[in-house]
Amino acid sequence: MHRRIPISSVMLIPALVSCGGGSADLLLTNARVYTFTWTEPDVSGAPALDAPYSASDGWRPDAEAVAIRDGLILFTGSVEDAEAYRGPNTEVLDLDGATVLPGLVDSHTHVPELGASLARVDLVGVETEEEAVALVAERARQLPAGTWIVGAGWDEGAWADRYPDMRLLSEQVPNHPVFMRSLHTFAGWGNRMAFERAGITAETEAPVGGEIRKDAQGQPTGLLLNRAVPLLEDAVPTPAPQQLQEQILAGLTEMAESGFVAVHDAGVSAPVMAAFEALEEEGRLPLRVYAMLSGRDTTLLARWESQGPDSDTESMLRTRSVKAFYDGALGSRGARLLEDYSDTPGHRGLGGAAYGFDATWMRRMMTAGFQISIHAIGDAGNRESLSFIEAVYADVPEARRNRNRIEHAQVLHANDIPRLADLDVIASMEPAHAVEDMVWAEDRLGPDRIRGAYAWRSLRRAGASLVFNSDLPGSDWHIFYGMHAAIARKNKERAPAGGWYAEQAMTAEETVRAYSTWASFANFTEERTGMLETGRWADLTILSVDPLGLESRDPGGILDGRILITIVNGRIVYRAEP
């Protein structure tokens, strides 16, 4: 008789079978296990012939149990066969039908900012300037005068036609400098004291690619756009090294609770890199971290160029990528378009060197063997980024092996979609962005260009590689939200009926792969993870719902899921309360 063990507790089970040195450290039983060791689906999303799927019955798990030893998968298969791996010191968890997937990966994050955001004023979902100011004023009453207040999350896309200024904010919060970054980081809003601390005056000139909004008298209004945002953000005191480490740990802990076994951190600066390295040295990283160096920190790039990319795949911290910006965001009309914005005639955004893209350094890093990951949103930004990569390949053919990426690949001209496959460039995309942006994206692009936006299926049909992620903390990073957005093309309210441009939706299998199997390819660990197979890393995510099973019956039910357990390197790093 199989005895059920609450997953909220740790219990040791007396051995029923003595297996000597062959026993497991951890045994997971009575589960719905999807190993993902079968052949990948075709570009239309149709499951392979060897997949555990049938047209009549849908998906079925291909295992019931997983045995783990020394951080590696020892066995996957039936509950009965798993008994051979039970030993006197084996921890056994009966999962009571929970779903086990290869460990999920968020392949575009900003973990230090996530950790810091937990202490910030949360403006996500705030709809009006008045509501935002009230939240900041409430925080100000709790802090000594002169203390900086930082908020984040107001939506620069939804607010683009009614941007706030500093008048009400300065009136309600006169004695604390305030900086409030927008949802996708391409707009910043502050009060008078913050602008004074930053030295931003009527005489301050905006950097190329940025805008300081000014009134009729030439005075700053309190709003900064695109590359002007750092003028205010950089005035906020930087955290001490220990504080930065704690912020990173807070962010990684949140990611473990959200079911992720690894993150790709996009745009790591020298202080953040030092914090990651210190945490790795001390053995304190709970998740695997793939660091993408900031393309703006040339001193850091020079250091890594001289030593080359990490070749050790076993380390919890690996560095072999560089993140660069080519253009801005669609919501704030900073993305570079081939033709005018549909709602702003005469304006096409800005990109390339004018937006801070350093082609010389990117070429150098590609030549040194680093993957480059270029932020490109607009169709012109994407076209020009692809042309840059293509030009480097012509001179440095081996750079094609770097598995270079376009981060977001958000708006693509039809002629450029096949180029990602032709150039072996990975499209790194955010399902949540589609359902968050749908309320205004077509206004920016018009009815024709929108069909090349958030075009996951078009990219798959063209043969391009995809990975999915959140770009947190700018978007909700919870995996059930991302999966539902990818599969249903609907928001959290399960709207619109039928899905937004549903022809671009992904299947549940593709979606899980985009957060696991394909993510492992994007960081060069596809031989070690991404599947549940003997000898691979024991990185697993255990969920309360089965997204493959729900796909045809009730895709909205995915939103009701919970993360039960997250396992990294064979160690439980998160376990839900009962």
Protein backbone atom coordinates (compact mmCIF):
# COMPACT_ATOMS: atom_id res chain seq x y z
CA MET A 1 0.00 0.00 0.00
CA HIS A 2 1.38 3.41 -0.98
CA ARG A 3 1.33 5.88 1.92
CA ARG A 4 0.66 9.53 1.00
CA ILE A 5 3.06 12.11 2.40
CA PRO A 6 2.08 15.80 2.62
CA ILE A 7 4.41 17.74 0.36
CA SER A 8 4.66 20.42 3.04
CA SER A 9 6.71 18.14 5.26
CA VAL A 10 9.99 16.27 5.01
CA MET A 11 9.78 12.63 6.08
CA LEU A 12 12.16 9.72 5.83
CA ILE A 13 10.65 6.36 4.91
CA PRO A 14 12.06 3.08 6.24
CA ALA A 15 13.52 1.04 3.42
CA LEU A 16 11.31 -1.63 1.98
CA VAL A 17 13.99 -2.74 -0.43
CA SER A 18 17.70 -2.54 0.28
CA CYS A 19 19.48 -1.12 -2.73
CA GLY A 20 22.85 -0.33 -1.17
CA GLY A 21 24.70 2.34 -3.09
CA GLY A 22 21.95 2.47 -5.70
CA SER A 23 19.39 4.16 -3.48
CA ALA A 24 18.09 7.67 -4.16
CA ASP A 25 18.46 10.77 -2.04
CA LEU A 26 14.96 11.89 -3.07
CA LEU A 27 12.15 9.87 -4.56
CA LEU A 28 9.06 11.50 -6.09
CA THR A 29 6.14 9.15 -6.60
CA ASN A 30 2.47 9.12 -7.64
CA ALA A 31 2.95 12.04 -10.00
CA ARG A 32 2.06 13.08 -13.54
CA VAL A 33 5.58 13.27 -14.96
CA TYR A 34 6.30 14.67 -18.40
CA THR A 35 9.93 13.97 -19.27
CA PHE A 36 9.99 15.83 -22.63
CA THR A 37 12.45 13.27 -23.94
CA TRP A 38 10.36 12.64 -27.04
CA THR A 39 10.86 14.30 -30.43
CA GLU A 40 9.93 17.99 -30.69
CA PRO A 41 6.64 19.09 -32.32
CA ASP A 42 6.61 20.30 -35.89
CA VAL A 43 6.47 24.00 -36.68
CA SER A 44 2.67 23.97 -36.67
CA GLY A 45 2.72 22.64 -33.10
CA ALA A 46 1.58 19.12 -33.97
CA PRO A 47 3.07 16.59 -31.49
CA ALA A 48 5.64 14.12 -32.79
CA LEU A 49 4.66 10.51 -33.41
CA ASP A 50 6.62 9.35 -30.35
CA ALA A 51 5.05 11.95 -28.04
CA PRO A 52 2.74 10.69 -25.24
CA TYR A 53 -0.24 12.10 -27.08
CA SER A 54 -3.16 10.87 -29.14
CA ALA A 55 -5.81 12.83 -31.02
CA SER A 56 -8.56 10.94 -29.19
CA ASP A 57 -7.23 11.06 -25.64
CA GLY A 58 -4.90 14.07 -25.65
CA TRP A 59 -1.78 14.17 -23.50
CA ARG A 60 -0.82 11.54 -20.95
CA PRO A 61 2.23 11.62 -18.64
CA ASP A 62 5.09 9.34 -19.73
CA ALA A 63 6.27 8.58 -16.16
CA GLU A 64 4.93 8.39 -12.61
CA ALA A 65 8.07 8.69 -10.51
CA VAL A 66 11.50 10.33 -10.44
CA ALA A 67 14.52 9.22 -8.41
CA ILE A 68 17.29 11.71 -7.66
CA ARG A 69 20.82 11.20 -6.33
CA ASP A 70 23.80 13.55 -6.00
CA GLY A 71 21.97 16.34 -7.81
CA LEU A 72 21.24 14.21 -10.88
CA ILE A 73 18.25 12.29 -12.17
CA LEU A 74 18.74 8.62 -11.39
CA PHE A 75 15.50 7.21 -12.79
CA THR A 76 12.15 8.12 -14.35
CA GLY A 77 9.38 5.60 -14.81
CA SER A 78 6.64 3.74 -12.99
CA VAL A 79 5.91 3.84 -9.28
CA GLU A 80 6.55 0.11 -9.04
CA ASP A 81 9.97 0.30 -10.68
CA ALA A 82 10.88 3.33 -8.58
CA GLU A 83 10.74 1.19 -5.44
CA ALA A 84 14.12 -0.25 -6.41
CA TYR A 85 15.64 3.14 -5.58
CA ARG A 86 14.19 3.43 -2.10
CA GLY A 87 16.87 3.15 0.57
CA PRO A 88 17.17 3.66 4.35
CA ASN A 89 17.98 7.36 3.95
CA THR A 90 15.77 8.14 0.97
CA GLU A 91 13.34 11.02 1.35
CA VAL A 92 10.13 9.97 -0.36
CA LEU A 93 7.39 12.37 -1.41
CA ASP A 94 4.03 11.16 -2.62
CA LEU A 95 2.88 13.96 -4.91
CA ASP A 96 -0.75 12.86 -5.04
CA GLY A 97 -1.09 13.36 -8.80
CA ALA A 98 0.75 16.68 -9.08
CA THR A 99 2.44 17.48 -12.39
CA VAL A 100 6.24 17.29 -12.71
CA LEU A 101 7.96 19.18 -15.53
CA PRO A 102 11.58 19.84 -16.47
CA GLY A 103 12.72 22.81 -14.40
CA LEU A 104 11.28 26.05 -15.76
CA VAL A 105 13.55 28.93 -16.77
CA ASP A 106 12.82 32.66 -17.04
CA SER A 107 15.21 33.61 -19.83
CA HIS A 108 14.96 37.41 -19.53
CA THR A 109 14.90 38.86 -16.03
CA HIS A 110 16.23 41.70 -13.92
CA VAL A 111 16.53 39.91 -10.59
CA PRO A 112 18.23 42.67 -8.55
CA GLU A 113 15.43 45.03 -9.57
CA LEU A 114 12.87 42.40 -8.62
CA GLY A 115 14.43 42.11 -5.18
CA ALA A 116 14.51 45.88 -4.80
CA SER A 117 10.94 46.20 -6.04
CA LEU A 118 9.68 44.20 -3.09
CA ALA A 119 10.48 47.28 -0.98
CA ARG A 120 9.28 49.83 -3.54
CA VAL A 121 5.89 51.44 -3.96
CA ASP A 122 4.05 49.02 -6.22
CA LEU A 123 2.32 50.90 -9.05
CA VAL A 124 1.44 47.90 -11.21
CA GLY A 125 -2.21 48.15 -12.21
CA VAL A 126 -2.55 51.73 -10.96
CA GLU A 127 -4.75 53.54 -13.46
CA THR A 128 -4.54 57.24 -12.50
CA GLU A 129 -1.98 59.80 -11.46
CA GLU A 130 -4.03 60.57 -8.35
CA GLU A 131 -4.00 56.96 -7.20
CA ALA A 132 -0.23 56.70 -7.70
CA VAL A 133 0.44 59.92 -5.79
CA ALA A 134 -1.75 58.73 -2.91
CA LEU A 135 0.31 55.55 -2.58
CA VAL A 136 3.56 57.53 -2.54
CA ALA A 137 2.17 59.99 0.02
CA GLU A 138 1.23 57.06 2.25
CA ARG A 139 4.80 55.72 2.05
CA ALA A 140 6.20 59.19 2.76
CA ARG A 141 4.37 59.30 6.09
CA GLN A 142 6.36 56.23 7.16
CA LEU A 143 9.83 57.61 6.31
CA PRO A 144 12.06 60.39 7.62
CA ALA A 145 12.10 63.59 5.56
CA GLY A 146 14.74 63.56 2.84
CA THR A 147 14.61 59.78 2.32
CA TRP A 148 14.28 58.71 -1.29
CA ILE A 149 11.03 57.00 -2.27
CA VAL A 150 11.17 54.72 -5.29
CA GLY A 151 8.13 53.31 -7.06
CA ALA A 152 7.71 51.20 -10.17
CA GLY A 153 5.07 49.77 -12.43
CA TRP A 154 2.90 52.55 -13.87
CA ASP A 155 2.17 51.69 -17.49
CA GLU A 156 3.88 54.07 -19.91
CA GLY A 157 1.97 52.53 -22.81
CA ALA A 158 -1.51 52.91 -21.33
CA TRP A 159 -0.64 56.39 -19.97
CA ALA A 160 1.10 57.61 -23.14
CA ASP A 161 -1.61 60.13 -24.02
CA ARG A 162 -1.99 61.43 -20.43
CA TYR A 163 1.50 61.42 -18.98
CA PRO A 164 1.74 62.81 -15.41
CA ASP A 165 3.79 65.78 -14.25
CA MET A 166 5.35 66.82 -10.94
CA ARG A 167 2.69 69.28 -9.74
CA LEU A 168 0.43 67.03 -7.70
CA LEU A 169 3.30 64.78 -6.67
CA SER A 170 5.36 67.72 -5.39
CA GLU A 171 2.36 69.16 -3.58
CA GLN A 172 1.49 65.91 -1.81
CA VAL A 173 5.08 64.74 -1.22
CA PRO A 174 7.22 67.88 -0.83
CA ASN A 175 9.85 66.59 1.62
CA HIS A 176 10.99 63.32 0.04
CA PRO A 177 12.68 62.94 -3.36
CA VAL A 178 10.53 60.58 -5.47
CA PHE A 179 11.45 58.55 -8.53
CA MET A 180 8.83 56.32 -10.15
CA ARG A 181 9.94 54.12 -12.99
CA SER A 182 7.39 52.91 -15.52
CA LEU A 183 6.32 49.34 -16.13
CA HIS A 184 8.76 48.64 -18.95
CA THR A 185 11.43 51.13 -17.72
CA PHE A 186 11.17 53.52 -20.67
CA ALA A 187 9.65 56.41 -18.72
CA GLY A 188 10.48 58.00 -15.38
CA TRP A 189 8.44 60.36 -13.21
CA GLY A 190 9.63 62.41 -10.27
CA ASN A 191 8.78 65.29 -7.98
CA ARG A 192 10.49 68.66 -7.65
CA MET A 193 12.86 67.56 -4.89
CA ALA A 194 14.04 64.58 -6.94
CA PHE A 195 14.72 66.78 -9.97
CA GLU A 196 16.64 69.19 -7.73
CA ARG A 197 18.72 66.35 -6.26
CA ALA A 198 19.45 65.13 -9.81
CA GLY A 199 20.33 68.62 -11.03
CA ILE A 200 17.81 68.49 -13.88
CA THR A 201 16.89 72.07 -14.81
CA ALA A 202 15.60 74.07 -17.75
CA GLU A 203 19.16 74.13 -19.09
CA THR A 204 19.62 70.35 -18.96
CA GLU A 205 19.80 68.80 -22.39
CA ALA A 206 18.35 65.38 -23.00
CA PRO A 207 20.70 62.69 -24.26
CA VAL A 208 20.26 61.54 -27.82
CA GLY A 209 17.35 59.12 -27.87
CA GLY A 210 15.77 60.63 -24.77
CA GLU A 211 13.31 63.37 -23.91
CA ILE A 212 12.92 65.69 -20.93
CA ARG A 213 9.34 66.89 -21.05
CA LYS A 214 9.20 70.67 -20.51
CA ASP A 215 6.40 73.18 -20.14
CA ALA A 216 5.81 76.39 -22.10
CA GLN A 217 8.38 78.19 -19.94
CA GLY A 218 11.01 75.54 -20.62
CA GLN A 219 10.88 74.04 -17.13
CA PRO A 220 10.97 70.24 -16.64
CA THR A 221 7.48 68.89 -16.04
CA GLY A 222 8.61 65.84 -14.06
CA LEU A 223 8.58 63.28 -16.87
CA LEU A 224 11.53 61.68 -18.67
CA LEU A 225 11.32 59.31 -21.64
CA ASN A 226 13.58 56.62 -23.06
CA ARG A 227 17.30 57.38 -22.70
CA ALA A 228 16.62 60.41 -20.50
CA VAL A 229 15.32 58.23 -17.65
CA PRO A 230 18.82 57.58 -16.18
CA LEU A 231 19.23 61.33 -15.59
CA LEU A 232 16.88 60.89 -12.64
CA GLU A 233 17.32 57.23 -11.86
CA ASP A 234 21.08 57.59 -11.41
CA ALA A 235 20.48 60.14 -8.64
CA VAL A 236 18.89 57.46 -6.46
CA PRO A 237 21.58 56.25 -4.03
CA THR A 238 23.06 52.93 -5.08
CA PRO A 239 22.80 50.07 -2.58
CA ALA A 240 25.88 48.95 -0.67
CA PRO A 241 27.37 45.61 -1.83
CA GLN A 242 25.77 43.66 1.03
CA GLN A 243 22.41 45.30 0.39
CA LEU A 244 22.68 44.45 -3.31
CA GLN A 245 23.40 40.82 -2.46
CA GLU A 246 20.33 40.72 -0.23
CA GLN A 247 18.21 42.22 -3.00
CA ILE A 248 19.45 39.55 -5.41
CA LEU A 249 18.69 36.79 -2.91
CA ALA A 250 15.22 38.23 -2.33
CA GLY A 251 14.61 38.21 -6.09
CA LEU A 252 15.90 34.67 -6.53
CA THR A 253 13.81 33.47 -3.59
CA GLU A 254 10.73 34.95 -5.25
CA MET A 255 11.65 33.19 -8.49
CA ALA A 256 12.04 29.85 -6.69
CA GLU A 257 8.59 30.33 -5.17
CA SER A 258 7.34 30.99 -8.70
CA GLY A 259 8.66 27.65 -9.92
CA PHE A 260 11.82 28.70 -11.75
CA VAL A 261 15.05 26.75 -11.43
CA ALA A 262 17.13 29.24 -13.41
CA VAL A 263 17.12 32.81 -14.67
CA HIS A 264 18.90 34.68 -17.45
CA ASP A 265 19.63 38.11 -16.00
CA ALA A 266 19.66 40.70 -18.76
CA GLY A 267 22.05 43.64 -18.61
CA VAL A 268 24.24 42.90 -15.58
CA SER A 269 26.41 45.85 -14.49
CA ALA A 270 29.77 45.59 -12.70
CA PRO A 271 28.32 46.00 -9.17
CA VAL A 272 25.64 43.38 -9.86
CA MET A 273 28.24 41.04 -11.37
CA ALA A 274 30.37 41.41 -8.24
CA ALA A 275 27.35 40.59 -6.08
CA PHE A 276 26.51 37.50 -8.13
CA GLU A 277 30.14 36.36 -7.96
CA ALA A 278 30.26 36.84 -4.18
CA LEU A 279 27.06 34.83 -3.72
CA GLU A 280 28.39 32.04 -5.92
CA GLU A 281 31.69 31.98 -4.04
CA GLU A 282 29.80 31.63 -0.76
CA GLY A 283 27.51 28.91 -2.16
CA ARG A 284 24.43 31.05 -1.58
CA LEU A 285 22.84 31.07 -5.05
CA PRO A 286 19.60 29.06 -4.76
CA LEU A 287 18.96 29.05 -8.54
CA ARG A 288 21.15 28.82 -11.61
CA VAL A 289 22.03 32.26 -13.00
CA TYR A 290 23.00 32.96 -16.61
CA ALA A 291 24.46 36.47 -16.56
CA MET A 292 24.09 38.71 -19.61
CA LEU A 293 26.63 41.53 -19.32
CA SER A 294 25.45 45.09 -19.80
CA GLY A 295 26.49 46.35 -23.23
CA ARG A 296 26.71 49.84 -21.72
CA ASP A 297 29.41 48.89 -19.18
CA THR A 298 32.46 48.87 -21.43
CA THR A 299 34.89 48.45 -18.52
CA LEU A 300 33.10 45.24 -17.59
CA LEU A 301 33.06 44.14 -21.24
CA ALA A 302 36.80 44.69 -21.52
CA ARG A 303 37.41 42.47 -18.49
CA TRP A 304 35.36 39.64 -19.93
CA GLU A 305 36.67 40.08 -23.46
CA SER A 306 40.17 39.39 -22.16
CA GLN A 307 39.16 36.21 -20.30
CA GLY A 308 36.50 34.91 -22.67
CA PRO A 309 33.08 33.40 -22.00
CA ASP A 310 32.49 30.83 -19.26
CA SER A 311 33.00 27.29 -20.46
CA ASP A 312 32.09 25.61 -17.14
CA THR A 313 28.50 24.44 -17.49
CA GLU A 314 28.39 23.05 -13.93
CA SER A 315 28.70 26.38 -12.10
CA MET A 316 25.60 27.98 -10.58
CA LEU A 317 26.72 31.28 -12.20
CA ARG A 318 27.67 31.34 -15.85
CA THR A 319 28.60 34.33 -18.00
CA ARG A 320 28.76 34.14 -21.78
CA SER A 321 26.26 36.70 -23.09
CA VAL A 322 26.04 40.46 -23.58
CA LYS A 323 22.78 42.46 -23.54
CA ALA A 324 22.55 45.59 -25.69
CA PHE A 325 19.75 48.04 -26.50
CA TYR A 326 18.97 48.92 -30.11
CA ASP A 327 15.76 50.92 -29.59
CA GLY A 328 13.13 51.81 -27.02
CA ALA A 329 9.62 50.56 -26.20
CA LEU A 330 6.49 50.53 -28.30
CA GLY A 331 4.29 51.92 -25.53
CA SER A 332 6.34 55.08 -25.10
CA ARG A 333 6.78 55.33 -28.89
CA GLY A 334 10.53 54.81 -28.56
CA ALA A 335 10.65 51.66 -30.69
CA ARG A 336 12.17 52.28 -34.12
CA LEU A 337 9.64 51.68 -36.93
CA LEU A 338 10.04 51.48 -40.68
CA GLU A 339 7.04 53.77 -41.17
CA ASP A 340 5.41 56.41 -38.98
CA TYR A 341 3.52 55.45 -35.84
CA SER A 342 -0.13 55.13 -36.81
CA ASP A 343 -1.17 57.36 -33.92
CA THR A 344 1.73 59.86 -34.25
CA PRO A 345 2.32 60.93 -37.87
CA GLY A 346 5.87 62.04 -38.55
CA HIS A 347 7.37 59.99 -35.72
CA ARG A 348 9.24 56.68 -36.14
CA GLY A 349 11.19 56.30 -32.91
CA LEU A 350 14.94 56.04 -32.60
CA GLY A 351 17.49 53.24 -32.76
CA GLY A 352 21.09 52.22 -33.31
CA ALA A 353 23.95 54.48 -32.27
CA ALA A 354 21.44 57.25 -31.59
CA TYR A 355 19.96 55.02 -28.90
CA GLY A 356 23.32 53.96 -27.48
CA PHE A 357 23.94 50.77 -29.45
CA ASP A 358 27.73 50.34 -29.56
CA ALA A 359 28.35 48.33 -32.72
CA THR A 360 32.11 48.27 -32.19
CA TRP A 361 31.88 46.65 -28.76
CA MET A 362 29.18 44.23 -29.85
CA ARG A 363 31.34 43.10 -32.75
CA ARG A 364 34.31 42.67 -30.40
CA MET A 365 32.30 40.58 -27.96
CA MET A 366 30.88 38.40 -30.74
CA THR A 367 34.40 37.88 -32.04
CA ALA A 368 35.50 36.86 -28.54
CA GLY A 369 32.83 34.13 -28.54
CA PHE A 370 30.08 35.82 -26.57
CA GLN A 371 26.42 35.48 -27.39
CA ILE A 372 24.89 38.90 -27.97
CA SER A 373 21.30 39.58 -26.99
CA ILE A 374 19.95 42.71 -28.65
CA HIS A 375 16.85 44.47 -27.33
CA ALA A 376 14.86 45.28 -30.46
CA ILE A 377 11.17 46.20 -30.46
CA GLY A 378 10.24 48.00 -33.67
CA ASP A 379 10.30 46.51 -37.15
CA ALA A 380 13.13 48.84 -38.16
CA GLY A 381 14.99 48.08 -34.92
CA ASN A 382 14.70 44.36 -35.60
CA ARG A 383 15.66 44.65 -39.27
CA GLU A 384 18.75 46.71 -38.49
CA SER A 385 19.76 44.42 -35.60
CA LEU A 386 19.55 41.40 -37.88
CA SER A 387 21.57 43.21 -40.55
CA PHE A 388 24.25 44.02 -37.97
CA ILE A 389 24.47 40.36 -36.95
CA GLU A 390 24.57 39.28 -40.59
CA ALA A 391 27.43 41.69 -41.30
CA VAL A 392 29.45 40.34 -38.38
CA TYR A 393 28.91 36.77 -39.63
CA ALA A 394 30.34 37.77 -43.00
CA ASP A 395 33.59 38.81 -41.31
CA VAL A 396 33.58 36.37 -38.38
CA PRO A 397 31.76 33.19 -39.54
CA GLU A 398 32.33 31.41 -36.22
CA ALA A 399 30.17 34.05 -34.49
CA ARG A 400 27.14 32.21 -35.92
CA ARG A 401 27.81 29.50 -33.31
CA ASN A 402 27.18 31.96 -30.47
CA ARG A 403 23.40 31.39 -30.53
CA ASN A 404 22.78 35.13 -30.71
CA ARG A 405 19.42 36.46 -29.60
CA ILE A 406 16.95 39.23 -30.26
CA GLU A 407 15.29 40.19 -27.00
CA HIS A 408 11.57 40.85 -27.55
CA ALA A 409 11.54 40.66 -31.40
CA GLN A 410 8.24 42.36 -30.84
CA VAL A 411 7.32 43.90 -34.21
CA LEU A 412 8.67 42.23 -37.34
CA HIS A 413 8.19 42.99 -41.02
CA ALA A 414 7.06 39.88 -42.90
CA ASN A 415 10.31 39.87 -44.89
CA ASP A 416 12.39 39.72 -41.73
CA ILE A 417 10.66 36.82 -39.97
CA PRO A 418 12.55 34.15 -41.98
CA ARG A 419 15.84 35.96 -41.35
CA LEU A 420 15.93 34.88 -37.70
CA ALA A 421 15.99 31.26 -38.81
CA ASP A 422 18.43 31.96 -41.64
CA LEU A 423 20.84 33.67 -39.22
CA ASP A 424 20.38 31.15 -36.37
CA VAL A 425 19.11 33.94 -34.14
CA ILE A 426 16.90 33.06 -31.18
CA ALA A 427 13.73 35.10 -30.66
CA SER A 428 13.48 35.77 -26.91
CA MET A 429 9.88 36.83 -26.29
CA GLU A 430 7.36 37.59 -23.54
CA PRO A 431 3.85 36.10 -23.80
CA ALA A 432 2.59 38.57 -21.20
CA HIS A 433 3.57 41.55 -23.35
CA ALA A 434 1.07 40.58 -26.01
CA VAL A 435 -1.92 40.48 -23.69
CA GLU A 436 -0.79 43.54 -21.74
CA ASP A 437 -0.11 45.64 -24.84
CA MET A 438 -3.19 44.62 -26.82
CA VAL A 439 -5.26 47.54 -25.49
CA TRP A 440 -3.06 50.06 -27.33
CA ALA A 441 -0.63 48.18 -29.62
CA GLU A 442 -2.84 48.31 -32.71
CA ASP A 443 -3.24 52.08 -32.24
CA ARG A 444 0.55 52.40 -32.49
CA LEU A 445 0.94 50.05 -35.46
CA GLY A 446 -2.32 49.94 -37.39
CA PRO A 447 -4.20 46.85 -38.64
CA ASP A 448 -1.51 45.64 -41.04
CA ARG A 449 1.70 45.92 -39.03
CA ILE A 450 0.06 44.42 -35.94
CA ARG A 451 0.00 41.06 -37.73
CA GLY A 452 3.78 40.95 -37.51
CA ALA A 453 3.76 41.75 -33.80
CA TYR A 454 4.05 39.16 -31.02
CA ALA A 455 4.14 36.72 -33.94
CA TRP A 456 5.18 33.50 -32.22
CA ARG A 457 3.55 31.09 -34.66
CA SER A 458 4.88 32.95 -37.69
CA LEU A 459 8.38 32.65 -36.27
CA ARG A 460 7.92 28.95 -35.55
CA ARG A 461 6.61 28.30 -39.07
CA ALA A 462 9.68 30.09 -40.44
CA GLY A 463 11.90 27.72 -38.46
CA ALA A 464 13.15 30.23 -35.89
CA SER A 465 14.13 29.21 -32.37
CA LEU A 466 12.04 30.67 -29.54
CA VAL A 467 12.35 31.11 -25.81
CA PHE A 468 9.72 32.61 -23.49
CA ASN A 469 10.25 34.82 -20.47
CA SER A 470 8.76 37.69 -18.46
CA ASP A 471 11.18 40.68 -18.59
CA LEU A 472 10.39 41.08 -14.90
CA PRO A 473 9.72 43.16 -12.94
CA GLY A 474 8.12 45.08 -15.81
CA SER A 475 5.58 42.29 -16.25
CA ASP A 476 4.02 39.68 -14.01
CA TRP A 477 6.50 36.80 -13.95
CA HIS A 478 4.24 34.07 -12.59
CA ILE A 479 4.46 31.07 -14.89
CA PHE A 480 0.73 30.33 -15.05
CA TYR A 481 0.09 33.82 -16.38
CA GLY A 482 2.81 33.44 -19.01
CA MET A 483 1.64 29.99 -20.05
CA HIS A 484 -1.99 31.05 -20.32
CA ALA A 485 -1.05 34.11 -22.39
CA ALA A 486 1.00 31.94 -24.76
CA ILE A 487 -1.61 29.22 -25.17
CA ALA A 488 -4.84 31.25 -25.14
CA ARG A 489 -3.64 34.75 -26.18
CA LYS A 490 -5.88 36.06 -23.38
CA ASN A 491 -5.30 38.21 -20.31
CA LYS A 492 -5.98 37.35 -16.67
CA GLU A 493 -9.66 38.13 -17.14
CA ARG A 494 -9.68 35.43 -19.87
CA ALA A 495 -10.36 38.06 -22.52
CA PRO A 496 -10.86 38.57 -25.39
CA ALA A 497 -13.13 35.72 -26.37
CA GLY A 498 -11.31 33.55 -28.86
CA GLY A 499 -7.94 35.14 -28.05
CA TRP A 500 -6.14 38.18 -29.46
CA TYR A 501 -4.84 37.28 -32.95
CA ALA A 502 -5.19 33.67 -31.85
CA GLU A 503 -3.53 32.37 -35.00
CA GLN A 504 -0.23 33.28 -33.32
CA ALA A 505 -0.90 31.17 -30.20
CA MET A 506 1.39 28.36 -29.09
CA THR A 507 0.47 24.86 -27.97
CA ALA A 508 0.97 23.81 -24.37
CA GLU A 509 3.86 21.55 -25.35
CA GLU A 510 5.62 24.35 -27.22
CA THR A 511 5.02 26.72 -24.32
CA VAL A 512 6.55 24.37 -21.75
CA ARG A 513 9.50 23.78 -24.08
CA ALA A 514 9.96 27.54 -24.52
CA TYR A 515 10.35 27.81 -20.74
CA SER A 516 12.55 24.71 -20.39
CA THR A 517 13.97 22.67 -23.26
CA TRP A 518 14.47 25.59 -25.61
CA ALA A 519 15.71 27.84 -22.80
CA SER A 520 18.46 25.30 -22.08
CA PHE A 521 19.56 25.57 -25.72
CA ALA A 522 19.66 29.37 -25.41
CA ASN A 523 22.23 29.14 -22.59
CA PHE A 524 24.22 26.18 -23.97
CA THR A 525 23.11 23.60 -21.38
CA GLU A 526 20.86 21.44 -23.55
CA GLU A 527 23.01 18.38 -22.80
CA ARG A 528 22.56 18.83 -19.05
CA THR A 529 18.98 19.98 -18.54
CA GLY A 530 15.66 20.72 -20.24
CA MET A 531 14.49 17.10 -20.04
CA LEU A 532 13.92 14.63 -17.21
CA GLU A 533 16.38 11.94 -18.19
CA THR A 534 18.90 9.80 -16.32
CA GLY A 535 22.18 11.64 -15.82
CA ARG A 536 20.79 15.13 -16.33
CA TRP A 537 20.59 17.79 -13.63
CA ALA A 538 17.82 17.21 -11.15
CA ASP A 539 16.10 20.52 -11.83
CA LEU A 540 12.30 20.08 -11.64
CA THR A 541 9.16 22.15 -11.24
CA ILE A 542 6.11 20.59 -9.61
CA LEU A 543 2.72 22.17 -10.31
CA SER A 544 -0.80 21.71 -9.00
CA VAL A 545 -2.24 21.70 -12.54
CA ASP A 546 -1.34 19.96 -15.77
CA PRO A 547 -1.03 22.62 -18.51
CA LEU A 548 -0.86 19.98 -21.25
CA GLY A 549 -4.01 18.30 -20.03
CA LEU A 550 -5.86 21.59 -19.59
CA GLU A 551 -5.00 22.93 -23.04
CA SER A 552 -8.01 21.38 -24.79
CA ARG A 553 -10.39 21.16 -21.83
CA ASP A 554 -9.97 24.42 -19.92
CA PRO A 555 -6.94 26.58 -20.78
CA GLY A 556 -8.24 29.25 -18.43
CA GLY A 557 -7.79 26.76 -15.61
CA ILE A 558 -4.03 27.17 -15.98
CA LEU A 559 -4.41 30.54 -14.24
CA ASP A 560 -5.60 28.70 -11.12
CA GLY A 561 -2.36 26.75 -10.82
CA ARG A 562 0.07 26.82 -7.90
CA ILE A 563 3.73 25.97 -7.65
CA LEU A 564 4.09 23.13 -5.15
CA ILE A 565 7.81 22.36 -5.17
CA THR A 566 10.89 23.72 -6.95
CA ILE A 567 13.96 21.48 -7.04
CA VAL A 568 17.40 22.72 -8.14
CA ASN A 569 20.42 20.43 -8.30
CA GLY A 570 18.44 17.78 -6.42
CA ARG A 571 17.66 20.13 -3.55
CA ILE A 572 14.21 21.42 -2.64
CA VAL A 573 14.53 25.22 -2.75
CA TYR A 574 10.81 25.91 -2.36
CA ARG A 575 7.92 23.94 -0.93
CA ALA A 576 4.39 25.33 -0.74
CA GLU A 577 2.37 25.40 2.42
CA PRO A 578 -0.46 22.83 2.48
